[in-house]
C-alpha atoms as a PDB file:
ATOM      1  CA  MET A   1       0.650  -0.950  -7.359  1.00  0.00           C
ATOM      2  CA  TYR A   2      -2.176  -3.330  -8.441  1.00  0.00           C
ATOM      3  CA  VAL A   3      -6.773  -1.563  -8.229  1.00  0.00           C
ATOM      4  CA  VAL A   4      -9.217  -3.687  -9.377  1.00  0.00           C
ATOM      5  CA  ARG A   5     -12.948  -1.777  -9.019  1.00  0.00           C
ATOM      6  CA  THR A   6     -15.688  -3.017  -8.097  1.00  0.00           C
ATOM      7  CA  ASP A   7     -19.300  -2.202  -8.199  1.00  0.00           C
ATOM      8  CA  GLU A   8     -20.055  -2.929  -4.633  1.00  0.00           C
ATOM      9  CA  ASP A   9     -20.618  -0.991  -2.261  1.00  0.00           C
ATOM     10  CA  ARG A  10     -18.503  -1.786   0.719  1.00  0.00           C
ATOM     11  CA  SER A  11     -15.163  -0.195   2.166  1.00  0.00           C
ATOM     12  CA  PRO A  12     -11.887  -0.708  -0.271  1.00  0.00           C
ATOM     13  CA  ARG A  13      -9.623  -3.254   0.464  1.00  0.00           C
ATOM     14  CA  PHE A  14      -5.643  -3.312   0.482  1.00  0.00           C
ATOM     15  CA  GLY A  15      -2.990  -6.509   0.580  1.00  0.00           C
ATOM     16  CA  PHE A  16       0.282  -6.498   0.158  1.00  0.00           C
ATOM     17  CA  ILE A  17       3.806  -8.097  -0.911  1.00  0.00           C
ATOM     18  CA  VAL A  18       6.053  -8.201   0.551  1.00  0.00           C
ATOM     19  CA  SER A  19       8.439 -10.483  -1.081  1.00  0.00           C
ATOM     20  CA  LYS A  20      11.722 -11.772   0.846  1.00  0.00           C
ATOM     21  CA  GLN A  21      13.807  -9.934  -1.832  1.00  0.00           C
ATOM     22  CA  VAL A  22      12.872  -7.029   0.726  1.00  0.00           C
ATOM     23  CA  GLY A  23      15.105  -8.443   3.727  1.00  0.00           C
ATOM     24  CA  VAL A  24      14.795  -9.997   6.517  1.00  0.00           C
ATOM     25  CA  ALA A  25      11.351 -11.245   8.342  1.00  0.00           C
ATOM     26  CA  VAL A  26      12.441  -8.458  10.759  1.00  0.00           C
ATOM     27  CA  THR A  27      11.866  -5.485   7.799  1.00  0.00           C
ATOM     28  CA  ARG A  28       9.631  -7.017   5.580  1.00  0.00           C
ATOM     29  CA  ASN A  29       6.931  -6.458   8.643  1.00  0.00           C
ATOM     30  CA  THR A  30       8.699  -3.605   9.534  1.00  0.00           C
ATOM     31  CA  VAL A  31       7.856  -2.575   5.537  1.00  0.00           C
ATOM     32  CA  ARG A  32       4.207  -4.326   5.694  1.00  0.00           C
ATOM     33  CA  ARG A  33       3.430  -2.247   8.812  1.00  0.00           C
ATOM     34  CA  ARG A  34       4.063   0.692   7.350  1.00  0.00           C
ATOM     35  CA  LEU A  35       2.246   0.329   4.002  1.00  0.00           C
ATOM     36  CA  LYS A  36      -0.780  -1.227   6.594  1.00  0.00           C
ATOM     37  CA  ALA A  37      -0.507   2.331   8.080  1.00  0.00           C
ATOM     38  CA  ILE A  38       0.186   4.223   5.561  1.00  0.00           C
ATOM     39  CA  SER A  39      -3.470   2.149   3.472  1.00  0.00           C
ATOM     40  CA  ALA A  40      -4.576   2.937   6.816  1.00  0.00           C
ATOM     41  CA  ALA A  41      -4.554   6.782   6.660  1.00  0.00           C
ATOM     42  CA  ALA A  42      -5.656   7.353   3.285  1.00  0.00           C
ATOM     43  CA  LEU A  43      -8.618   4.845   3.371  1.00  0.00           C
ATOM     44  CA  PRO A  44     -11.318   7.978   3.053  1.00  0.00           C
ATOM     45  CA  ASP A  45      -9.906   9.218  -0.387  1.00  0.00           C
ATOM     46  CA  VAL A  46      -9.832   6.322  -2.160  1.00  0.00           C
ATOM     47  CA  ARG A  47     -13.067   4.746  -4.364  1.00  0.00           C
ATOM     48  CA  ARG A  48     -15.669   2.408  -2.811  1.00  0.00           C
ATOM     49  CA  GLY A  49     -15.469  -1.395  -3.214  1.00  0.00           C
ATOM     50  CA  THR A  50     -11.750  -1.080  -4.430  1.00  0.00           C
ATOM     51  CA  ASP A  51      -9.091  -3.237  -4.232  1.00  0.00           C
ATOM     52  CA  ILE A  52      -5.403  -2.232  -3.789  1.00  0.00           C
ATOM     53  CA  VAL A  53      -2.419  -5.230  -4.146  1.00  0.00           C
ATOM     54  CA  ILE A  54       1.022  -2.842  -2.956  1.00  0.00           C
ATOM     55  CA  ARG A  55       4.013  -4.588  -3.968  1.00  0.00           C
ATOM     56  CA  ALA A  56       6.923  -3.421  -2.129  1.00  0.00           C
ATOM     57  CA  LEU A  57      10.081  -3.098  -3.494  1.00  0.00           C
ATOM     58  CA  PRO A  58      13.329  -3.662  -1.618  1.00  0.00           C
ATOM     59  CA  SER A  59      13.881  -0.082  -2.014  1.00  0.00           C
ATOM     60  CA  ALA A  60      10.847  -0.290   0.547  1.00  0.00           C
ATOM     61  CA  ALA A  61      13.262  -1.511   3.022  1.00  0.00           C
ATOM     62  CA  GLY A  62      15.695   1.233   3.773  1.00  0.00           C
ATOM     63  CA  ALA A  63      13.457   3.926   2.515  1.00  0.00           C
ATOM     64  CA  GLU A  64      12.495   6.618   5.397  1.00  0.00           C
ATOM     65  CA  PHE A  65       8.454   6.887   6.442  1.00  0.00           C
ATOM     66  CA  ASP A  66       8.309  10.366   4.707  1.00  0.00           C
ATOM     67  CA  HIS A  67       9.315   8.942   1.312  1.00  0.00           C
ATOM     68  CA  LEU A  68       7.292   5.425   1.901  1.00  0.00           C
ATOM     69  CA  GLN A  69       4.201   7.429   2.604  1.00  0.00           C
ATOM     70  CA  ALA A  70       5.049   9.820  -0.510  1.00  0.00           C
ATOM     71  CA  GLU A  71       4.875   7.385  -2.796  1.00  0.00           C
ATOM     72  CA  VAL A  72       1.966   5.291  -1.760  1.00  0.00           C
ATOM     73  CA  VAL A  73      -0.535   8.439  -1.777  1.00  0.00           C
ATOM     74  CA  LYS A  74       0.618   9.940  -5.329  1.00  0.00           C
ATOM     75  CA  GLY A  75      -0.071   6.349  -6.091  1.00  0.00           C
ATOM     76  CA  LEU A  76      -3.109   6.355  -4.892  1.00  0.00           C
ATOM     77  CA  ARG A  77      -3.945   9.297  -6.503  1.00  0.00           C
ATOM     78  CA  ARG A  78      -3.514   8.263  -9.431  1.00  0.00           C
ATOM     79  CA  ARG A  79      -4.944   5.382 -10.036  1.00  0.00           C
ATOM     80  CA  ALA A  80      -7.914   4.221  -6.956  1.00  0.00           C
ATOM     81  CA  ALA A  81      -8.819   8.098  -6.597  1.00  0.00           C
END
């Protein structure tokens, strides 16, 4: 997870990196959609003006949604809250 804080008064922005190491296109898109849903739910807890890029590791392909959510939320609390 990469976080850049700015002084701009705007909503936080998220970007996702899901490389071919994660799996085939269907798997990558599933991981990306899960990360988007998790990020949308965590949006109120993220400081305004923050840019966040989440890089999915190959293990994300087989991770349960709850585990993936816990990892993203933990990272956001550490770096972007």
